[in-house]
Amino acid sequence: MIAISFPPPDFKIVREGNKEMIFDRHRKKYVVLTPEEWVRQNFLNYLVQVLQYPASLIGIEREIFLGEMKKRYDIVIYNRAMQPWMLVECKEMNVPLTEQTMQQVIRYNMVIPATFLVITNGTHTFCGNYIATKGKWRFLHALPAFV
């Protein structure tokens, strides 16, 4: 498991009708503030502010197809050659990270072949990459530095 200290939140939050909306700096729009969105926004801030991942190389909640099923990934970080480098699946804080969560991000990885796969619920975070020559996963103790 990877320990993460999120930067202090400095989000713009407004109420529209009966919904709270949070301004997503990356998508440049307000989105519904769900428990999962709270985790996603804090994790994005951590990636950009603390780890210095380039914001311009981050994709958020885009549609993909798994066979005929439409899905939406949470976060993809691209390398400088615009190839998927890291795929992140966010869950709300009270959702435990299980084998099923890891299988979800592995399925997404079949469509978006990224070097690193991450699952987080804001409290717990795991990052791994598949070592094809050994036929097994290697889990890291820290998120990799962006190069």
C-alpha atoms as a PDB file:
ATOM      1  CA  MET A   1       0.000   0.000   0.000  1.00  0.00           C
ATOM      2  CA  ILE A   2       1.164   3.528  -0.790  1.00  0.00           C
ATOM      3  CA  ALA A   3       0.844   6.294   1.805  1.00  0.00           C
ATOM      4  CA  ILE A   4      -0.429   9.559   0.332  1.00  0.00           C
ATOM      5  CA  SER A   5      -0.761  12.928   2.038  1.00  0.00           C
ATOM      6  CA  PHE A   6      -3.134  15.004  -0.037  1.00  0.00           C
ATOM      7  CA  PRO A   7      -2.487  18.742  -0.294  1.00  0.00           C
ATOM      8  CA  PRO A   8      -4.997  20.895   1.586  1.00  0.00           C
ATOM      9  CA  PRO A   9      -8.162  21.104  -0.537  1.00  0.00           C
ATOM     10  CA  ASP A  10      -8.670  24.434  -2.282  1.00  0.00           C
ATOM     11  CA  PHE A  11     -11.624  23.485  -4.431  1.00  0.00           C
ATOM     12  CA  LYS A  12     -14.381  25.732  -5.754  1.00  0.00           C
ATOM     13  CA  ILE A  13     -17.664  24.164  -4.647  1.00  0.00           C
ATOM     14  CA  VAL A  14     -21.096  25.587  -5.484  1.00  0.00           C
ATOM     15  CA  ARG A  15     -24.662  24.422  -5.070  1.00  0.00           C
ATOM     16  CA  GLU A  16     -26.903  24.052  -8.115  1.00  0.00           C
ATOM     17  CA  GLY A  17     -30.398  23.140  -7.025  1.00  0.00           C
ATOM     18  CA  ASN A  18     -30.022  20.178  -4.712  1.00  0.00           C
ATOM     19  CA  LYS A  19     -26.544  19.175  -5.955  1.00  0.00           C
ATOM     20  CA  GLU A  20     -23.109  20.246  -4.877  1.00  0.00           C
ATOM     21  CA  MET A  21     -20.787  20.892  -7.799  1.00  0.00           C
ATOM     22  CA  ILE A  22     -16.992  20.982  -7.743  1.00  0.00           C
ATOM     23  CA  PHE A  23     -14.881  22.810 -10.308  1.00  0.00           C
ATOM     24  CA  ASP A  24     -12.567  20.389 -12.096  1.00  0.00           C
ATOM     25  CA  ARG A  25      -9.497  22.414 -13.070  1.00  0.00           C
ATOM     26  CA  HIS A  26      -8.463  19.829 -15.632  1.00  0.00           C
ATOM     27  CA  ARG A  27     -11.773  19.527 -17.446  1.00  0.00           C
ATOM     28  CA  LYS A  28     -12.403  23.246 -16.859  1.00  0.00           C
ATOM     29  CA  LYS A  29     -16.005  22.737 -15.780  1.00  0.00           C
ATOM     30  CA  TYR A  30     -18.169  22.063 -12.752  1.00  0.00           C
ATOM     31  CA  VAL A  31     -19.069  18.409 -12.136  1.00  0.00           C
ATOM     32  CA  VAL A  32     -21.350  16.805  -9.554  1.00  0.00           C
ATOM     33  CA  LEU A  33     -19.520  16.356  -6.275  1.00  0.00           C
ATOM     34  CA  THR A  34     -19.981  12.662  -5.514  1.00  0.00           C
ATOM     35  CA  PRO A  35     -17.870  10.783  -2.948  1.00  0.00           C
ATOM     36  CA  GLU A  36     -15.889   9.257  -5.852  1.00  0.00           C
ATOM     37  CA  GLU A  37     -15.383  12.692  -7.424  1.00  0.00           C
ATOM     38  CA  TRP A  38     -13.982  13.955  -4.126  1.00  0.00           C
ATOM     39  CA  VAL A  39     -11.371  11.177  -4.215  1.00  0.00           C
ATOM     40  CA  ARG A  40     -10.619  11.834  -7.909  1.00  0.00           C
ATOM     41  CA  GLN A  41     -10.106  15.582  -7.384  1.00  0.00           C
ATOM     42  CA  ASN A  42      -7.837  15.064  -4.362  1.00  0.00           C
ATOM     43  CA  PHE A  43      -5.830  12.419  -6.204  1.00  0.00           C
ATOM     44  CA  LEU A  44      -5.447  14.697  -9.249  1.00  0.00           C
ATOM     45  CA  ASN A  45      -4.226  17.511  -6.987  1.00  0.00           C
ATOM     46  CA  TYR A  46      -1.706  15.128  -5.450  1.00  0.00           C
ATOM     47  CA  LEU A  47      -0.419  14.016  -8.858  1.00  0.00           C
ATOM     48  CA  VAL A  48      -0.024  17.575 -10.160  1.00  0.00           C
ATOM     49  CA  GLN A  49       0.934  19.559  -7.051  1.00  0.00           C
ATOM     50  CA  VAL A  50       3.017  17.042  -5.106  1.00  0.00           C
ATOM     51  CA  LEU A  51       4.407  14.658  -7.726  1.00  0.00           C
ATOM     52  CA  GLN A  52       4.608  17.319 -10.449  1.00  0.00           C
ATOM     53  CA  TYR A  53       2.878  15.217 -13.116  1.00  0.00           C
ATOM     54  CA  PRO A  54       2.125  17.513 -16.088  1.00  0.00           C
ATOM     55  CA  ALA A  55      -1.565  18.486 -16.016  1.00  0.00           C
ATOM     56  CA  SER A  56      -1.551  18.730 -19.818  1.00  0.00           C
ATOM     57  CA  LEU A  57      -0.887  14.968 -20.053  1.00  0.00           C
ATOM     58  CA  ILE A  58      -3.837  13.880 -17.907  1.00  0.00           C
ATOM     59  CA  GLY A  59      -7.122  12.554 -19.310  1.00  0.00           C
ATOM     60  CA  ILE A  60     -10.180  12.347 -17.054  1.00  0.00           C
ATOM     61  CA  GLU A  61     -13.378  10.313 -17.361  1.00  0.00           C
ATOM     62  CA  ARG A  62     -13.388   9.488 -21.032  1.00  0.00           C
ATOM     63  CA  GLU A  63     -15.506   6.822 -22.629  1.00  0.00           C
ATOM     64  CA  ILE A  64     -14.015   3.503 -23.700  1.00  0.00           C
ATOM     65  CA  PHE A  65     -15.542   0.297 -25.047  1.00  0.00           C
ATOM     66  CA  LEU A  66     -14.992  -3.119 -23.480  1.00  0.00           C
ATOM     67  CA  GLY A  67     -16.424  -5.252 -26.209  1.00  0.00           C
ATOM     68  CA  GLU A  68     -19.851  -3.710 -26.714  1.00  0.00           C
ATOM     69  CA  MET A  69     -20.071  -2.245 -23.205  1.00  0.00           C
ATOM     70  CA  LYS A  70     -19.473   1.479 -22.718  1.00  0.00           C
ATOM     71  CA  LYS A  71     -17.330   2.351 -19.696  1.00  0.00           C
ATOM     72  CA  ARG A  72     -15.570   5.468 -18.434  1.00  0.00           C
ATOM     73  CA  TYR A  73     -12.079   5.403 -17.033  1.00  0.00           C
ATOM     74  CA  ASP A  74     -11.253   7.735 -14.156  1.00  0.00           C
ATOM     75  CA  ILE A  75      -7.748   9.021 -14.919  1.00  0.00           C
ATOM     76  CA  VAL A  76      -5.097   8.315 -17.549  1.00  0.00           C
ATOM     77  CA  ILE A  77      -1.679   9.931 -17.436  1.00  0.00           C
ATOM     78  CA  TYR A  78       0.115   9.931 -20.780  1.00  0.00           C
ATOM     79  CA  ASN A  79       3.858   9.978 -21.305  1.00  0.00           C
ATOM     80  CA  ARG A  80       5.495  12.689 -23.397  1.00  0.00           C
ATOM     81  CA  ALA A  81       4.966  10.546 -26.531  1.00  0.00           C
ATOM     82  CA  MET A  82       1.196  10.615 -25.720  1.00  0.00           C
ATOM     83  CA  GLN A  83       1.111   6.894 -24.923  1.00  0.00           C
ATOM     84  CA  PRO A  84      -0.875   5.756 -21.846  1.00  0.00           C
ATOM     85  CA  TRP A  85       1.600   5.583 -18.966  1.00  0.00           C
ATOM     86  CA  MET A  86      -0.643   5.266 -15.890  1.00  0.00           C
ATOM     87  CA  LEU A  87      -4.280   4.216 -15.544  1.00  0.00           C
ATOM     88  CA  VAL A  88      -6.050   5.146 -12.289  1.00  0.00           C
ATOM     89  CA  GLU A  89      -9.329   3.780 -10.958  1.00  0.00           C
ATOM     90  CA  CYS A  90     -10.888   5.797  -8.118  1.00  0.00           C
ATOM     91  CA  LYS A  91     -13.452   4.556  -5.641  1.00  0.00           C
ATOM     92  CA  GLU A  92     -15.206   6.474  -2.904  1.00  0.00           C
ATOM     93  CA  MET A  93     -13.546   6.377   0.507  1.00  0.00           C
ATOM     94  CA  ASN A  94     -15.890   3.829   2.088  1.00  0.00           C
ATOM     95  CA  VAL A  95     -15.456   1.316  -0.764  1.00  0.00           C
ATOM     96  CA  PRO A  96     -12.764  -1.257   0.033  1.00  0.00           C
ATOM     97  CA  LEU A  97     -10.179  -1.977  -2.641  1.00  0.00           C
ATOM     98  CA  THR A  98     -10.578  -5.625  -3.526  1.00  0.00           C
ATOM     99  CA  GLU A  99      -9.509  -8.096  -6.173  1.00  0.00           C
ATOM    100  CA  GLN A 100     -12.645  -7.030  -8.066  1.00  0.00           C
ATOM    101  CA  THR A 101     -11.395  -3.416  -8.120  1.00  0.00           C
ATOM    102  CA  MET A 102      -8.044  -4.588  -9.472  1.00  0.00           C
ATOM    103  CA  GLN A 103      -9.796  -6.709 -12.107  1.00  0.00           C
ATOM    104  CA  GLN A 104     -11.759  -3.635 -13.234  1.00  0.00           C
ATOM    105  CA  VAL A 105      -8.593  -1.627 -13.900  1.00  0.00           C
ATOM    106  CA  ILE A 106      -6.977  -4.664 -15.568  1.00  0.00           C
ATOM    107  CA  ARG A 107      -9.971  -4.893 -17.947  1.00  0.00           C
ATOM    108  CA  TYR A 108      -9.624  -1.191 -18.758  1.00  0.00           C
ATOM    109  CA  ASN A 109      -5.932  -1.826 -19.359  1.00  0.00           C
ATOM    110  CA  MET A 110      -6.849  -4.196 -22.208  1.00  0.00           C
ATOM    111  CA  VAL A 111      -8.225  -1.124 -24.039  1.00  0.00           C
ATOM    112  CA  ILE A 112      -5.760   1.425 -22.653  1.00  0.00           C
ATOM    113  CA  PRO A 113      -2.434  -0.421 -22.322  1.00  0.00           C
ATOM    114  CA  ALA A 114      -0.679   1.614 -19.618  1.00  0.00           C
ATOM    115  CA  THR A 115       2.617   0.805 -17.922  1.00  0.00           C
ATOM    116  CA  PHE A 116       1.273   1.376 -14.401  1.00  0.00           C
ATOM    117  CA  LEU A 117      -2.137   0.582 -12.923  1.00  0.00           C
ATOM    118  CA  VAL A 118      -3.393   2.366  -9.801  1.00  0.00           C
ATOM    119  CA  ILE A 119      -6.429   1.831  -7.610  1.00  0.00           C
ATOM    120  CA  THR A 120      -7.303   4.285  -4.844  1.00  0.00           C
ATOM    121  CA  ASN A 121     -10.128   5.112  -2.500  1.00  0.00           C
ATOM    122  CA  GLY A 122      -8.336   8.138  -1.090  1.00  0.00           C
ATOM    123  CA  THR A 123      -7.376   6.245   2.049  1.00  0.00           C
ATOM    124  CA  HIS A 124      -5.641   3.281   0.440  1.00  0.00           C
ATOM    125  CA  THR A 125      -3.695   3.316  -2.817  1.00  0.00           C
ATOM    126  CA  PHE A 126      -2.015   0.499  -4.711  1.00  0.00           C
ATOM    127  CA  CYS A 127       0.156   0.788  -7.817  1.00  0.00           C
ATOM    128  CA  GLY A 128       1.528  -2.055  -9.864  1.00  0.00           C
ATOM    129  CA  ASN A 129       2.891  -2.999 -13.211  1.00  0.00           C
ATOM    130  CA  TYR A 130       2.864  -6.309 -15.021  1.00  0.00           C
ATOM    131  CA  ILE A 131       6.235  -7.929 -15.613  1.00  0.00           C
ATOM    132  CA  ALA A 132       5.581  -9.955 -18.778  1.00  0.00           C
ATOM    133  CA  THR A 133       8.897 -11.810 -18.630  1.00  0.00           C
ATOM    134  CA  LYS A 134       8.014 -13.125 -15.163  1.00  0.00           C
ATOM    135  CA  GLY A 135       4.268 -13.420 -15.789  1.00  0.00           C
ATOM    136  CA  LYS A 136       3.354 -11.619 -12.578  1.00  0.00           C
ATOM    137  CA  TRP A 137       2.481  -8.277 -11.030  1.00  0.00           C
ATOM    138  CA  ARG A 138       4.949  -6.115  -9.132  1.00  0.00           C
ATOM    139  CA  PHE A 139       3.423  -3.734  -6.598  1.00  0.00           C
ATOM    140  CA  LEU A 140       5.255  -0.518  -5.782  1.00  0.00           C
ATOM    141  CA  HIS A 141       5.751   1.238  -2.429  1.00  0.00           C
ATOM    142  CA  ALA A 142       5.380   4.685  -4.030  1.00  0.00           C
ATOM    143  CA  LEU A 143       3.884   6.154  -7.167  1.00  0.00           C
ATOM    144  CA  PRO A 144       6.551   6.403  -9.875  1.00  0.00           C
ATOM    145  CA  ALA A 145       8.163   9.726 -10.701  1.00  0.00           C
ATOM    146  CA  PHE A 146       7.042  11.142 -14.029  1.00  0.00           C
ATOM    147  CA  VAL A 147       9.882  11.114 -16.549  1.00  0.00           C
END
